[in-house]
PDB file of N, CA and C in Angstrom:
ATOM      1  N   UNK A   1     -81.400 -37.667-113.823  1.00  0.00           N
ATOM      2  CA  UNK A   1     -80.454 -36.797-113.284  1.00  0.00           C
ATOM      3  C   UNK A   1     -79.557 -38.158-111.690  1.00  0.00           C
ATOM      4  N   UNK A   2     -78.892 -38.334-111.714  1.00  0.00           N
ATOM      5  CA  UNK A   2     -78.236 -38.799-110.954  1.00  0.00           C
ATOM      6  C   UNK A   2     -77.133 -37.963-110.238  1.00  0.00           C
ATOM      7  N   UNK A   3     -77.408 -37.472-109.201  1.00  0.00           N
ATOM      8  CA  UNK A   3     -76.382 -36.577-108.144  1.00  0.00           C
ATOM      9  C   UNK A   3     -75.426 -37.132-107.672  1.00  0.00           C
ATOM     10  N   UNK A   4     -75.032 -38.603-107.435  1.00  0.00           N
ATOM     11  CA  UNK A   4     -74.095 -39.329-106.339  1.00  0.00           C
ATOM     12  C   UNK A   4     -72.491 -38.567-106.319  1.00  0.00           C
ATOM     13  N   UNK A   5     -72.534 -38.575-105.480  1.00  0.00           N
ATOM     14  CA  UNK A   5     -70.515 -38.325-105.454  1.00  0.00           C
ATOM     15  C   UNK A   5     -70.101 -39.365-104.767  1.00  0.00           C
ATOM     16  N   UNK A   6     -68.338 -39.513-105.411  1.00  0.00           N
ATOM     17  CA  UNK A   6     -68.154 -40.593-104.687  1.00  0.00           C
ATOM     18  C   UNK A   6     -66.668 -39.898-103.994  1.00  0.00           C
ATOM     19  N   UNK A   7     -65.279 -40.402-103.211  1.00  0.00           N
ATOM     20  CA  UNK A   7     -64.895 -39.908-102.673  1.00  0.00           C
ATOM     21  C   UNK A   7     -63.607 -38.965-103.320  1.00  0.00           C
ATOM     22  N   UNK A   8     -63.638 -39.721-104.382  1.00  0.00           N
ATOM     23  CA  UNK A   8     -62.942 -38.239-105.629  1.00  0.00           C
ATOM     24  C   UNK A   8     -63.492 -37.015-105.214  1.00  0.00           C
ATOM     25  N   UNK A   9     -64.435 -36.775-105.636  1.00  0.00           N
ATOM     26  CA  UNK A   9     -65.349 -35.344-105.910  1.00  0.00           C
ATOM     27  C   UNK A   9     -65.504 -34.992-104.600  1.00  0.00           C
ATOM     28  N   UNK A  10     -65.791 -35.787-103.530  1.00  0.00           N
ATOM     29  CA  UNK A  10     -66.023 -35.455-101.852  1.00  0.00           C
ATOM     30  C   UNK A  10     -64.371 -34.449-101.790  1.00  0.00           C
ATOM     31  N   UNK A  11     -62.950 -35.687-102.356  1.00  0.00           N
ATOM     32  CA  UNK A  11     -61.826 -34.493-101.961  1.00  0.00           C
ATOM     33  C   UNK A  11     -62.054 -33.628-102.764  1.00  0.00           C
ATOM     34  N   UNK A  12     -62.194 -33.512-104.096  1.00  0.00           N
ATOM     35  CA  UNK A  12     -61.760 -32.438-104.607  1.00  0.00           C
ATOM     36  C   UNK A  12     -62.433 -31.191-104.705  1.00  0.00           C
ATOM     37  N   UNK A  13     -64.169 -31.114-104.105  1.00  0.00           N
ATOM     38  CA  UNK A  13     -64.771 -30.155-102.699  1.00  0.00           C
ATOM     39  C   UNK A  13     -64.043 -29.995-102.166  1.00  0.00           C
ATOM     40  N   UNK A  14     -63.341 -30.511-100.738  1.00  0.00           N
ATOM     41  CA  UNK A  14     -62.809 -29.725 -99.835  1.00  0.00           C
ATOM     42  C   UNK A  14     -61.862 -29.232-100.199  1.00  0.00           C
ATOM     43  N   UNK A  15     -60.863 -29.472-101.038  1.00  0.00           N
ATOM     44  CA  UNK A  15     -59.505 -28.762-101.424  1.00  0.00           C
ATOM     45  C   UNK A  15     -60.149 -27.162-102.147  1.00  0.00           C
ATOM     46  N   UNK A  16     -60.941 -27.607-102.918  1.00  0.00           N
ATOM     47  CA  UNK A  16     -61.959 -26.332-102.950  1.00  0.00           C
ATOM     48  C   UNK A  16     -61.994 -24.914-102.051  1.00  0.00           C
ATOM     49  N   UNK A  17     -62.912 -25.666-101.141  1.00  0.00           N
ATOM     50  CA  UNK A  17     -62.906 -24.958 -99.923  1.00  0.00           C
ATOM     51  C   UNK A  17     -61.955 -24.865 -98.716  1.00  0.00           C
ATOM     52  N   UNK A  18     -61.263 -25.683 -98.927  1.00  0.00           N
ATOM     53  CA  UNK A  18     -59.581 -24.988 -98.176  1.00  0.00           C
ATOM     54  C   UNK A  18     -58.692 -23.905 -99.071  1.00  0.00           C
ATOM     55  N   UNK A  19     -59.122 -24.156-100.406  1.00  0.00           N
ATOM     56  CA  UNK A  19     -58.094 -23.206-101.747  1.00  0.00           C
ATOM     57  C   UNK A  19     -58.716 -21.699-101.534  1.00  0.00           C
ATOM     58  N   UNK A  20     -60.361 -21.719-101.303  1.00  0.00           N
ATOM     59  CA  UNK A  20     -60.767 -20.597-101.188  1.00  0.00           C
ATOM     60  C   UNK A  20     -60.545 -19.661 -99.692  1.00  0.00           C
ATOM     61  N   UNK A  21     -60.746 -20.224 -98.503  1.00  0.00           N
ATOM     62  CA  UNK A  21     -60.379 -19.904 -97.483  1.00  0.00           C
ATOM     63  C   UNK A  21     -58.958 -19.612 -97.422  1.00  0.00           C
ATOM     64  N   UNK A  22     -57.641 -20.100 -97.661  1.00  0.00           N
ATOM     65  CA  UNK A  22     -56.095 -19.552 -97.792  1.00  0.00           C
ATOM     66  C   UNK A  22     -56.716 -18.612 -98.602  1.00  0.00           C
ATOM     67  N   UNK A  23     -57.610 -18.123 -99.683  1.00  0.00           N
ATOM     68  CA  UNK A  23     -56.844 -17.494-100.425  1.00  0.00           C
ATOM     69  C   UNK A  23     -57.505 -16.073 -99.612  1.00  0.00           C
ATOM     70  N   UNK A  24     -58.982 -16.056 -99.458  1.00  0.00           N
ATOM     71  CA  UNK A  24     -59.708 -15.055 -98.197  1.00  0.00           C
ATOM     72  C   UNK A  24     -59.190 -14.533 -97.460  1.00  0.00           C
ATOM     73  N   UNK A  25     -58.271 -15.766 -96.437  1.00  0.00           N
ATOM     74  CA  UNK A  25     -57.453 -14.891 -95.480  1.00  0.00           C
ATOM     75  C   UNK A  25     -56.151 -14.333 -95.604  1.00  0.00           C
ATOM     76  N   UNK A  26     -55.619 -15.104 -96.609  1.00  0.00           N
ATOM     77  CA  UNK A  26     -54.566 -14.047 -97.099  1.00  0.00           C
ATOM     78  C   UNK A  26     -54.593 -12.705 -97.543  1.00  0.00           C
ATOM     79  N   UNK A  27     -56.295 -12.577 -98.550  1.00  0.00           N
ATOM     80  CA  UNK A  27     -56.388 -11.352 -98.560  1.00  0.00           C
ATOM     81  C   UNK A  27     -56.348 -10.410 -97.396  1.00  0.00           C
ATOM     82  N   UNK A  28     -57.207 -10.969 -96.646  1.00  0.00           N
ATOM     83  CA  UNK A  28     -57.668  -9.992 -95.098  1.00  0.00           C
ATOM     84  C   UNK A  28     -56.113 -10.021 -94.297  1.00  0.00           C
ATOM     85  N   UNK A  29     -55.295 -10.862 -94.201  1.00  0.00           N
ATOM     86  CA  UNK A  29     -54.159 -10.516 -93.599  1.00  0.00           C
ATOM     87  C   UNK A  29     -52.921  -9.193 -94.686  1.00  0.00           C
ATOM     88  N   UNK A  30     -53.205  -9.599 -95.899  1.00  0.00           N
ATOM     89  CA  UNK A  30     -52.356  -8.665 -96.269  1.00  0.00           C
ATOM     90  C   UNK A  30     -52.599  -7.241 -96.778  1.00  0.00           C
ATOM     91  N   UNK A  31     -53.793  -6.816 -96.206  1.00  0.00           N
ATOM     92  CA  UNK A  31     -54.585  -5.964 -96.473  1.00  0.00           C
ATOM     93  C   UNK A  31     -53.821  -4.497 -96.188  1.00  0.00           C
ATOM     94  N   UNK A  32     -53.581  -4.024 -97.002  1.00  0.00           N
ATOM     95  CA  UNK A  32     -53.299  -2.741 -96.609  1.00  0.00           C
ATOM     96  C   UNK A  32     -54.318  -1.879 -95.094  1.00  0.00           C
ATOM     97  N   UNK A  33     -55.298  -1.747 -95.452  1.00  0.00           N
ATOM     98  CA  UNK A  33     -55.717  -0.941 -94.538  1.00  0.00           C
ATOM     99  C   UNK A  33     -56.155  -1.501 -92.848  1.00  0.00           C
ATOM    100  N   UNK A  34     -55.521  -2.758 -92.957  1.00  0.00           N
ATOM    101  CA  UNK A  34     -55.226  -3.572 -91.460  1.00  0.00           C
ATOM    102  C   UNK A  34     -53.802  -2.797 -90.632  1.00  0.00           C
ATOM    103  N   UNK A  35     -52.567  -2.547 -91.411  1.00  0.00           N
ATOM    104  CA  UNK A  35     -51.522  -2.635 -91.460  1.00  0.00           C
ATOM    105  C   UNK A  35     -51.142  -1.897 -89.639  1.00  0.00           C
ATOM    106  N   UNK A  36     -52.576  -0.730 -89.458  1.00  0.00           N
ATOM    107  CA  UNK A  36     -52.597   0.082 -88.093  1.00  0.00           C
ATOM    108  C   UNK A  36     -52.354  -0.734 -87.137  1.00  0.00           C
ATOM    109  N   UNK A  37     -53.498  -2.100 -87.255  1.00  0.00           N
ATOM    110  CA  UNK A  37     -53.899  -2.934 -86.154  1.00  0.00           C
ATOM    111  C   UNK A  37     -53.036  -3.981 -86.239  1.00  0.00           C
ATOM    112  N   UNK A  38     -52.498  -4.649 -86.805  1.00  0.00           N
ATOM    113  CA  UNK A  38     -51.253  -5.331 -87.274  1.00  0.00           C
ATOM    114  C   UNK A  38     -50.284  -4.956 -86.510  1.00  0.00           C
ATOM    115  N   UNK A  39     -49.988  -3.626 -86.589  1.00  0.00           N
ATOM    116  CA  UNK A  39     -48.794  -2.786 -85.975  1.00  0.00           C
ATOM    117  C   UNK A  39     -48.979  -2.744 -84.637  1.00  0.00           C
ATOM    118  N   UNK A  40     -50.275  -2.171 -84.130  1.00  0.00           N
ATOM    119  CA  UNK A  40     -50.028  -2.120 -82.425  1.00  0.00           C
ATOM    120  C   UNK A  40     -50.275  -3.909 -81.664  1.00  0.00           C
ATOM    121  N   UNK A  41     -50.551  -4.671 -82.830  1.00  0.00           N
ATOM    122  CA  UNK A  41     -50.862  -6.172 -81.964  1.00  0.00           C
ATOM    123  C   UNK A  41     -48.950  -6.489 -81.589  1.00  0.00           C
ATOM    124  N   UNK A  42     -48.680  -5.851 -82.846  1.00  0.00           N
ATOM    125  CA  UNK A  42     -47.281  -6.679 -82.719  1.00  0.00           C
ATOM    126  C   UNK A  42     -46.525  -6.561 -81.766  1.00  0.00           C
ATOM    127  N   UNK A  43     -46.976  -5.169 -81.314  1.00  0.00           N
ATOM    128  CA  UNK A  43     -45.451  -4.458 -80.467  1.00  0.00           C
ATOM    129  C   UNK A  43     -46.422  -5.024 -78.094  1.00  0.00           C
ATOM    130  N   UNK A  44     -47.577  -5.397 -78.600  1.00  0.00           N
ATOM    131  CA  UNK A  44     -48.539  -6.394 -77.583  1.00  0.00           C
ATOM    132  C   UNK A  44     -47.659  -7.037 -76.977  1.00  0.00           C
ATOM    133  N   UNK A  45     -46.508  -8.083 -76.794  1.00  0.00           N
ATOM    134  CA  UNK A  45     -45.881  -8.828 -76.257  1.00  0.00           C
ATOM    135  C   UNK A  45     -44.690  -7.574 -74.995  1.00  0.00           C
ATOM    136  N   UNK A  46     -44.446  -6.645 -75.936  1.00  0.00           N
ATOM    137  CA  UNK A  46     -43.485  -5.477 -74.703  1.00  0.00           C
ATOM    138  C   UNK A  46     -44.178  -4.285 -74.244  1.00  0.00           C
ATOM    139  N   UNK A  47     -45.335  -4.865 -73.679  1.00  0.00           N
ATOM    140  CA  UNK A  47     -46.132  -3.851 -73.330  1.00  0.00           C
ATOM    141  C   UNK A  47     -46.167  -4.167 -71.371  1.00  0.00           C
ATOM    142  N   UNK A  48     -45.969  -2.920 -70.574  1.00  0.00           N
ATOM    143  CA  UNK A  48     -45.917  -2.940 -69.235  1.00  0.00           C
ATOM    144  C   UNK A  48     -47.065  -3.680 -68.780  1.00  0.00           C
ATOM    145  N   UNK A  49     -46.631  -4.321 -68.227  1.00  0.00           N
ATOM    146  CA  UNK A  49     -47.898  -4.838 -67.201  1.00  0.00           C
ATOM    147  C   UNK A  49     -48.471  -3.596 -65.977  1.00  0.00           C
ATOM    148  N   UNK A  50     -49.638  -3.914 -65.834  1.00  0.00           N
ATOM    149  CA  UNK A  50     -50.241  -2.920 -64.900  1.00  0.00           C
ATOM    150  C   UNK A  50     -49.590  -2.746 -63.745  1.00  0.00           C
ATOM    151  N   UNK A  51     -49.222  -1.684 -63.108  1.00  0.00           N
ATOM    152  CA  UNK A  51     -48.854  -1.889 -61.928  1.00  0.00           C
ATOM    153  C   UNK A  51     -49.292  -1.733 -60.758  1.00  0.00           C
ATOM    154  N   UNK A  52     -50.111  -2.556 -59.836  1.00  0.00           N
ATOM    155  CA  UNK A  52     -50.476  -2.419 -58.590  1.00  0.00           C
ATOM    156  C   UNK A  52     -50.924  -0.626 -57.995  1.00  0.00           C
ATOM    157  N   UNK A  53     -51.932  -0.344 -57.505  1.00  0.00           N
ATOM    158  CA  UNK A  53     -51.982   0.795 -56.707  1.00  0.00           C
ATOM    159  C   UNK A  53     -50.700   1.148 -56.046  1.00  0.00           C
ATOM    160  N   UNK A  54     -51.449   2.384 -55.090  1.00  0.00           N
ATOM    161  CA  UNK A  54     -50.578   2.890 -54.532  1.00  0.00           C
ATOM    162  C   UNK A  54     -51.446   1.868 -52.999  1.00  0.00           C
ATOM    163  N   UNK A  55     -52.043   2.295 -52.191  1.00  0.00           N
ATOM    164  CA  UNK A  55     -52.480   1.706 -51.396  1.00  0.00           C
ATOM    165  C   UNK A  55     -52.310   0.240 -51.354  1.00  0.00           C
ATOM    166  N   UNK A  56     -52.953  -0.203 -52.155  1.00  0.00           N
ATOM    167  CA  UNK A  56     -52.522  -2.252 -52.250  1.00  0.00           C
ATOM    168  C   UNK A  56     -50.865  -2.492 -52.235  1.00  0.00           C
ATOM    169  N   UNK A  57     -50.180  -1.903 -52.688  1.00  0.00           N
ATOM    170  CA  UNK A  57     -48.506  -2.138 -52.922  1.00  0.00           C
ATOM    171  C   UNK A  57     -48.520  -1.256 -50.638  1.00  0.00           C
ATOM    172  N   UNK A  58     -48.758  -0.327 -50.128  1.00  0.00           N
ATOM    173  CA  UNK A  58     -48.408   0.230 -48.843  1.00  0.00           C
ATOM    174  C   UNK A  58     -49.579  -1.048 -47.881  1.00  0.00           C
ATOM    175  N   UNK A  59     -50.365  -1.446 -48.168  1.00  0.00           N
ATOM    176  CA  UNK A  59     -51.145  -2.497 -47.576  1.00  0.00           C
ATOM    177  C   UNK A  59     -50.588  -3.570 -47.269  1.00  0.00           C
ATOM    178  N   UNK A  60     -49.773  -4.279 -48.734  1.00  0.00           N
ATOM    179  CA  UNK A  60     -49.181  -5.491 -48.530  1.00  0.00           C
ATOM    180  C   UNK A  60     -47.972  -5.280 -47.868  1.00  0.00           C
ATOM    181  N   UNK A  61     -47.086  -4.310 -47.838  1.00  0.00           N
ATOM    182  CA  UNK A  61     -45.867  -4.595 -47.541  1.00  0.00           C
ATOM    183  C   UNK A  61     -46.065  -4.021 -45.614  1.00  0.00           C
ATOM    184  N   UNK A  62     -46.814  -3.687 -45.207  1.00  0.00           N
ATOM    185  CA  UNK A  62     -47.150  -3.416 -43.847  1.00  0.00           C
ATOM    186  C   UNK A  62     -48.085  -4.825 -43.404  1.00  0.00           C
ATOM    187  N   UNK A  63     -48.394  -5.323 -44.053  1.00  0.00           N
ATOM    188  CA  UNK A  63     -48.309  -6.893 -43.314  1.00  0.00           C
ATOM    189  C   UNK A  63     -47.171  -7.837 -42.841  1.00  0.00           C
ATOM    190  N   UNK A  64     -46.226  -7.210 -43.960  1.00  0.00           N
ATOM    191  CA  UNK A  64     -44.791  -8.259 -44.115  1.00  0.00           C
ATOM    192  C   UNK A  64     -44.137  -8.045 -42.963  1.00  0.00           C
ATOM    193  N   UNK A  65     -43.517  -8.869 -42.091  1.00  0.00           N
ATOM    194  CA  UNK A  65     -42.827  -8.536 -41.017  1.00  0.00           C
ATOM    195  C   UNK A  65     -41.638  -9.543 -40.862  1.00  0.00           C
TER     196      UNK A  65
END
């Protein structure tokens, strides 16, 4: 038996791998169990930055003249 692959078969296998990856990723993203995680992640751009400690803020203010 001769198992040689030509360029058409390689392209077909590549397409199959990409299609399987796309379907798997789609199932992972649209899974109902992940809704809470994605809802929290969608609010990250609106989260406040951490405020500096009061001691650090006073130290920087006293150095400025």
